[in-house]
C-alpha cells in the first residue's frame, strides 16, 4: 500500500513539475530563442550574399556572422539554398502587401499613381542588398525567379491594382488598363530604384527625380488622362 502511495505521489509530482515547466516560460523562451536565431541567420546570410555572392559564401561564414552553430542552418533551412526561400518569406512578412497604413490615399487617381511610383522607387532602393542577392540567382535558377514573382512581384502588383480601383475614375478603365498601371508602378520602381542607381551607378536622387518625370508623362498620356 505504501509503495502504491509513493508511486502516486511521484507521478503527481512529475505532473506538477511538468505543468510548472510549461507555465514558467521555459518552452516559450526556447521558441523565442529559436526565432531570434533564425532571424540572425537570415540577416547574416543576406549581408554575406550581397557582399560576397551566393556561391562564394559558406554556411560556416553565415553561422559565424550570426553567432550561431552551423548545424542550425541545416536544421532550420535544410541548407544554404533554403535560406533563399526564407529570405523572401521574411521580406514579405516584414513589408506586408497591404501598405494602406504606410501611404495615405491621394485625392485623385493621377496623384495616387505618382505617389505609388515614388514609394516603389524608395522601396527598391531600400531593398537593394536583397535584390543584389536574388536577381543574379534568378538568372541561373528559374525556381528562384518563380518564387520571387509569386511572393513579391505578382502580389505587390495585385495590391497596387486593388488600391487604384478604389477611385471612381477607374470605373471607366478596363481591368487590363488598371493592371497595366499597377505593373508600371513596379517597373518604374525597379528601374529607377535599383537598376540605375545600383547597377549603372547613377545618383539615387537623380534617378528618383527621373522616375517622377516618367510617371508624370505616362499619366498625362491622352489615353489615360481622358478618363482620370
Protein backbone atom coordinates (compact mmCIF):
# COMPACT_ATOMS: atom_id res chain seq x y z
CA UNK A 1 0.00 0.00 0.00
CA UNK A 2 2.79 2.38 0.92
CA UNK A 3 4.51 1.52 -2.35
CA UNK A 4 1.38 2.36 -4.34
CA UNK A 5 1.01 5.64 -2.46
CA UNK A 6 4.63 6.58 -3.14
CA UNK A 7 4.18 5.83 -6.85
CA UNK A 8 1.09 8.00 -6.99
CA UNK A 9 2.95 10.76 -5.21
CA UNK A 10 5.86 10.52 -7.61
CA UNK A 11 3.51 10.58 -10.60
CA UNK A 12 1.67 13.56 -9.17
CA UNK A 13 4.99 15.30 -8.60
CA UNK A 14 6.04 14.69 -12.16
CA UNK A 15 2.74 16.08 -13.43
CA UNK A 16 3.13 19.15 -11.23
CA UNK A 17 6.69 19.64 -12.39
CA UNK A 18 5.60 19.29 -15.98
CA UNK A 19 2.84 21.83 -15.54
CA UNK A 20 5.18 24.18 -13.75
CA UNK A 21 7.72 23.82 -16.54
CA UNK A 22 5.15 24.66 -19.21
CA UNK A 23 3.85 27.61 -17.26
CA UNK A 24 7.05 29.30 -16.14
CA UNK A 25 8.03 30.48 -19.65
CA UNK A 26 10.77 27.89 -20.29
CA UNK A 27 9.34 26.47 -23.50
CA UNK A 28 8.22 29.81 -24.96
CA UNK A 29 11.72 31.10 -24.22
CA UNK A 30 13.20 28.32 -26.33
CA UNK A 31 10.77 29.22 -29.12
CA UNK A 32 11.76 32.88 -28.96
CA UNK A 33 15.43 31.96 -28.95
CA UNK A 34 14.87 29.77 -31.99
CA UNK A 35 13.05 32.56 -33.79
CA UNK A 36 15.81 35.01 -32.91
CA UNK A 37 18.45 32.63 -34.22
CA UNK A 38 16.54 32.19 -37.47
CA UNK A 39 16.35 35.96 -37.93
CA UNK A 40 20.05 36.32 -37.13
CA UNK A 41 20.95 33.69 -39.72
CA UNK A 42 18.73 35.32 -42.35
CA UNK A 43 20.27 38.75 -41.72
CA UNK A 44 23.80 37.35 -41.77
CA UNK A 45 23.16 35.42 -44.98
CA UNK A 46 21.70 38.48 -46.70
CA UNK A 47 24.71 40.60 -45.85
CA UNK A 48 27.23 37.97 -46.95
CA UNK A 49 25.35 37.00 -50.11
CA UNK A 50 25.16 40.67 -51.09
CA UNK A 51 28.85 41.35 -50.46
CA UNK A 52 30.50 38.06 -51.49
CA UNK A 53 27.89 36.40 -53.67
CA UNK A 54 25.80 33.32 -53.03
CA UNK A 55 28.24 30.77 -54.44
CA UNK A 56 31.28 32.05 -52.55
CA UNK A 57 29.55 32.29 -49.18
CA UNK A 58 29.80 29.23 -46.95
CA UNK A 59 27.38 28.11 -44.26
CA UNK A 60 30.25 28.31 -41.78
CA UNK A 61 30.68 32.02 -42.53
CA UNK A 62 26.96 32.63 -42.19
CA UNK A 63 26.83 30.86 -38.83
CA UNK A 64 29.89 32.73 -37.55
CA UNK A 65 28.45 36.08 -38.59
CA UNK A 66 25.14 35.26 -36.90
CA UNK A 67 26.81 33.90 -33.77
CA UNK A 68 25.07 30.55 -34.18
CA UNK A 69 26.06 26.93 -34.66
CA UNK A 70 26.47 25.92 -38.29
CA UNK A 71 24.16 22.95 -37.77
CA UNK A 72 21.23 25.28 -37.18
CA UNK A 73 21.28 26.29 -40.84
CA UNK A 74 20.57 22.71 -41.84
CA UNK A 75 18.11 22.26 -39.02
CA UNK A 76 16.05 25.38 -39.78
CA UNK A 77 16.54 25.82 -43.53
CA UNK A 78 17.78 22.47 -44.88
CA UNK A 79 20.96 24.15 -46.13
CA UNK A 80 22.09 27.31 -47.85
CA UNK A 81 19.50 27.13 -50.64
CA UNK A 82 16.70 27.02 -48.08
CA UNK A 83 17.88 30.36 -46.75
CA UNK A 84 16.90 32.00 -50.06
CA UNK A 85 13.25 30.99 -49.71
CA UNK A 86 13.31 32.02 -46.05
CA UNK A 87 14.63 35.45 -47.02
CA UNK A 88 11.71 36.01 -49.39
CA UNK A 89 9.20 34.93 -46.76
CA UNK A 90 10.89 37.22 -44.26
CA UNK A 91 10.75 40.12 -46.69
CA UNK A 92 7.07 39.58 -47.44
CA UNK A 93 6.14 39.33 -43.76
CA UNK A 94 8.21 42.40 -42.93
CA UNK A 95 6.77 44.66 -45.61
CA UNK A 96 3.28 43.27 -45.98
CA UNK A 97 1.30 43.62 -49.18
CA UNK A 98 -1.32 45.86 -47.62
CA UNK A 99 0.50 49.16 -47.33
CA UNK A 100 -2.58 51.31 -46.70
CA UNK A 101 -1.19 52.37 -43.33
CA UNK A 102 2.17 53.29 -44.84
CA UNK A 103 0.77 55.58 -47.52
CA UNK A 104 -2.40 57.63 -47.32
CA UNK A 105 -4.55 57.59 -50.47
CA UNK A 106 -4.15 60.65 -52.66
CA UNK A 107 -7.13 62.78 -53.69
CA UNK A 108 -7.02 61.75 -57.37
CA UNK A 109 -6.02 58.67 -59.31
CA UNK A 110 -3.24 60.60 -61.06
CA UNK A 111 -1.74 61.78 -57.79
CA UNK A 112 -2.09 58.27 -56.36
CA UNK A 113 -0.17 56.82 -59.29
CA UNK A 114 2.61 59.37 -58.83
CA UNK A 115 2.98 58.76 -55.09
CA UNK A 116 2.94 54.98 -55.59
CA UNK A 117 5.76 55.26 -58.11
CA UNK A 118 7.72 57.45 -55.71
CA UNK A 119 7.23 54.90 -52.91
CA UNK A 120 8.22 51.95 -55.10
CA UNK A 121 11.43 53.68 -56.14
CA UNK A 122 12.31 54.22 -52.48
CA UNK A 123 11.32 50.64 -51.65
CA UNK A 124 13.62 49.16 -54.29
CA UNK A 125 16.47 51.37 -53.11
CA UNK A 126 15.92 50.28 -49.52
CA UNK A 127 15.92 46.63 -50.65
CA UNK A 128 18.99 46.92 -52.87
CA UNK A 129 21.01 44.34 -50.90
CA UNK A 130 18.12 41.90 -51.14
CA UNK A 131 17.88 42.44 -54.90
CA UNK A 132 21.65 42.12 -55.32
CA UNK A 133 21.29 38.59 -54.00
CA UNK A 134 18.16 37.43 -55.75
CA UNK A 135 18.33 38.87 -59.26
CA UNK A 136 21.60 37.06 -60.14
CA UNK A 137 20.24 33.84 -58.59
CA UNK A 138 17.00 34.15 -60.57
CA UNK A 139 19.04 34.31 -63.80
CA UNK A 140 20.75 30.97 -63.16
CA UNK A 141 17.97 29.31 -61.17
CA UNK A 142 14.45 29.72 -62.63
CA UNK A 143 12.87 28.37 -59.45
CA UNK A 144 14.18 31.40 -57.55
CA UNK A 145 12.70 33.70 -60.18
CA UNK A 146 9.34 31.95 -59.95
CA UNK A 147 9.39 32.24 -56.17
CA UNK A 148 10.20 35.95 -56.33
CA UNK A 149 7.43 36.51 -58.87
CA UNK A 150 4.79 34.73 -56.82
CA UNK A 151 5.78 36.10 -53.44
CA UNK A 152 6.84 39.64 -54.27
CA UNK A 153 6.08 40.94 -57.76
CA UNK A 154 2.65 39.47 -58.52
CA UNK A 155 1.38 40.01 -55.00
CA UNK A 156 2.57 43.60 -54.89
CA UNK A 157 1.07 44.37 -58.32
CA UNK A 158 -2.26 42.91 -57.22
CA UNK A 159 -2.25 45.02 -54.05
CA UNK A 160 -1.50 48.17 -56.08
CA UNK A 161 -4.23 47.32 -58.59
CA UNK A 162 -6.79 46.88 -55.81
CA UNK A 163 -5.74 50.22 -54.36
CA UNK A 164 -6.16 52.01 -57.70
CA UNK A 165 -9.62 50.53 -58.22
CA UNK A 166 -10.93 52.46 -55.22
CA UNK A 167 -11.01 55.62 -57.33
CA UNK A 168 -14.23 56.47 -59.15
CA UNK A 169 -12.32 57.39 -62.31
CA UNK A 170 -11.22 53.76 -62.60
CA UNK A 171 -14.79 52.78 -63.44
CA UNK A 172 -14.12 53.95 -66.99
CA UNK A 173 -10.93 51.88 -67.23
CA UNK A 174 -10.81 48.24 -68.20
CA UNK A 175 -9.23 45.85 -65.73
CA UNK A 176 -6.29 45.32 -68.05
CA UNK A 177 -5.62 49.06 -68.05
CA UNK A 178 -5.67 49.17 -64.24
CA UNK A 179 -3.34 46.17 -64.13
CA UNK A 180 -1.05 47.92 -66.63
CA UNK A 181 -0.84 50.96 -64.35
CA UNK A 182 -0.01 48.69 -61.42
CA UNK A 183 2.71 46.93 -63.42
CA UNK A 184 4.08 50.32 -64.49
CA UNK A 185 4.45 51.30 -60.83
CA UNK A 186 6.53 48.18 -60.17
CA UNK A 187 8.67 48.52 -63.28
CA UNK A 188 9.47 52.18 -62.64
CA UNK A 189 10.38 51.29 -59.08
CA UNK A 190 12.74 48.54 -60.18
CA UNK A 191 14.41 50.55 -62.96
CA UNK A 192 14.89 53.81 -61.08
CA UNK A 193 15.22 52.42 -57.57
CA UNK A 194 17.66 49.61 -58.34
CA UNK A 195 18.90 49.25 -61.92
CA UNK A 196 20.01 52.84 -62.46
CA UNK A 197 21.49 53.71 -59.05
CA UNK A 198 22.90 50.27 -58.16
CA UNK A 199 23.83 48.63 -61.46
CA UNK A 200 24.53 51.70 -63.58
CA UNK A 201 25.99 53.91 -60.85
CA UNK A 202 23.57 56.82 -61.19
CA UNK A 203 22.95 59.07 -58.20
CA UNK A 204 19.81 57.94 -56.42
CA UNK A 205 18.25 61.43 -56.04
CA UNK A 206 18.62 61.97 -59.78
CA UNK A 207 17.17 58.56 -60.57
CA UNK A 208 14.22 59.23 -58.29
CA UNK A 209 13.58 62.58 -59.96
CA UNK A 210 13.69 60.94 -63.39
CA UNK A 211 11.18 58.32 -62.24
CA UNK A 212 8.77 61.08 -61.24
CA UNK A 213 9.17 62.73 -64.65
CA UNK A 214 8.48 59.47 -66.48
CA UNK A 215 5.46 58.76 -64.26
CA UNK A 216 4.01 62.21 -64.99
CA UNK A 217 4.50 61.63 -68.71
CA UNK A 218 2.72 58.28 -68.54
CA UNK A 219 -0.22 59.55 -66.52
CA UNK A 220 -0.56 62.57 -68.84
CA UNK A 221 -0.99 60.26 -71.86
CA UNK A 222 -4.31 61.19 -73.56
CA UNK A 223 -5.49 57.57 -73.43
CA UNK A 224 -5.18 57.68 -69.65
CA UNK A 225 -5.70 61.34 -68.73
CA UNK A 226 -9.01 61.48 -70.62
CA UNK A 227 -10.60 59.24 -68.02
CA UNK A 228 -8.80 60.30 -64.85
